[in-house]
Protein backbone atom coordinates (compact mmCIF):
# COMPACT_ATOMS: atom_id res chain seq x y z
CA UNK A 1 -22.47 -112.04 4.29
CA UNK A 2 -26.13 -112.78 3.65
CA UNK A 3 -27.16 -113.73 0.13
CA UNK A 4 -29.88 -111.47 -1.31
CA UNK A 5 -32.75 -113.00 -3.34
CA UNK A 6 -34.82 -111.24 -5.85
CA UNK A 7 -38.76 -111.37 -5.88
CA UNK A 8 -38.66 -113.84 -8.77
CA UNK A 9 -36.45 -116.20 -6.80
CA UNK A 10 -38.95 -115.97 -3.93
CA UNK A 11 -41.71 -116.84 -6.34
CA UNK A 12 -39.72 -119.76 -7.64
CA UNK A 13 -39.21 -121.02 -4.11
CA UNK A 14 -42.97 -121.15 -3.64
CA UNK A 15 -43.83 -122.65 -7.05
CA UNK A 16 -41.10 -125.40 -6.45
CA UNK A 17 -43.27 -126.69 -3.72
CA UNK A 18 -45.85 -127.70 -6.22
CA UNK A 19 -43.87 -128.28 -9.48
CA UNK A 20 -40.11 -128.67 -8.92
CA UNK A 21 -39.05 -129.31 -12.51
CA UNK A 22 -40.51 -126.24 -13.75
CA UNK A 23 -38.42 -124.05 -11.46
CA UNK A 24 -35.39 -125.81 -12.28
CA UNK A 25 -36.13 -125.29 -16.05
CA UNK A 26 -36.81 -121.67 -15.27
CA UNK A 27 -33.40 -121.27 -13.64
CA UNK A 28 -30.93 -123.30 -15.72
CA UNK A 29 -32.79 -124.22 -18.81
CA UNK A 30 -32.97 -127.72 -20.45
CA UNK A 31 -29.97 -129.49 -18.76
CA UNK A 32 -29.11 -132.68 -16.90
CA UNK A 33 -30.38 -130.73 -13.81
CA UNK A 34 -33.96 -131.31 -15.18
CA UNK A 35 -33.66 -135.05 -15.67
CA UNK A 36 -32.11 -135.36 -12.19
CA UNK A 37 -34.91 -133.31 -10.66
CA UNK A 38 -37.72 -135.33 -12.48
CA UNK A 39 -36.19 -138.54 -11.12
CA UNK A 40 -35.99 -137.15 -7.60
CA UNK A 41 -39.50 -135.84 -7.86
CA UNK A 42 -40.85 -139.31 -8.86
CA UNK A 43 -38.92 -140.97 -6.17
CA UNK A 44 -40.37 -138.75 -3.68
CA UNK A 45 -41.89 -135.23 -3.44
CA UNK A 46 -39.40 -133.87 -0.74
CA UNK A 47 -36.32 -134.85 -2.61
CA UNK A 48 -37.51 -133.06 -5.83
CA UNK A 49 -38.43 -129.86 -3.83
CA UNK A 50 -35.10 -129.84 -1.98
CA UNK A 51 -33.13 -130.24 -5.14
CA UNK A 52 -35.13 -127.38 -6.81
CA UNK A 53 -34.52 -125.21 -3.82
CA UNK A 54 -30.78 -126.06 -4.03
CA UNK A 55 -30.67 -125.09 -7.69
CA UNK A 56 -32.49 -121.82 -7.13
CA UNK A 57 -30.13 -120.84 -4.32
CA UNK A 58 -27.10 -121.87 -6.52
CA UNK A 59 -28.11 -119.72 -9.48
CA UNK A 60 -29.03 -116.18 -7.97
CA UNK A 61 -30.86 -113.84 -10.29
CA UNK A 62 -28.58 -111.29 -11.98
């Protein structure tokens, strides 16, 4: 079955391209996910974006 995404999730996917840690914070709050995303973002832009997209897809909007 296909997963449904809300409008806010679609906006977060776009924002994640520019500032991945912001979108992770918006989805899960201040957790270890933020630290991991910042590290990945500094190691390379693409790993940070991919991790942010993974977090967005793992935590669907209620």
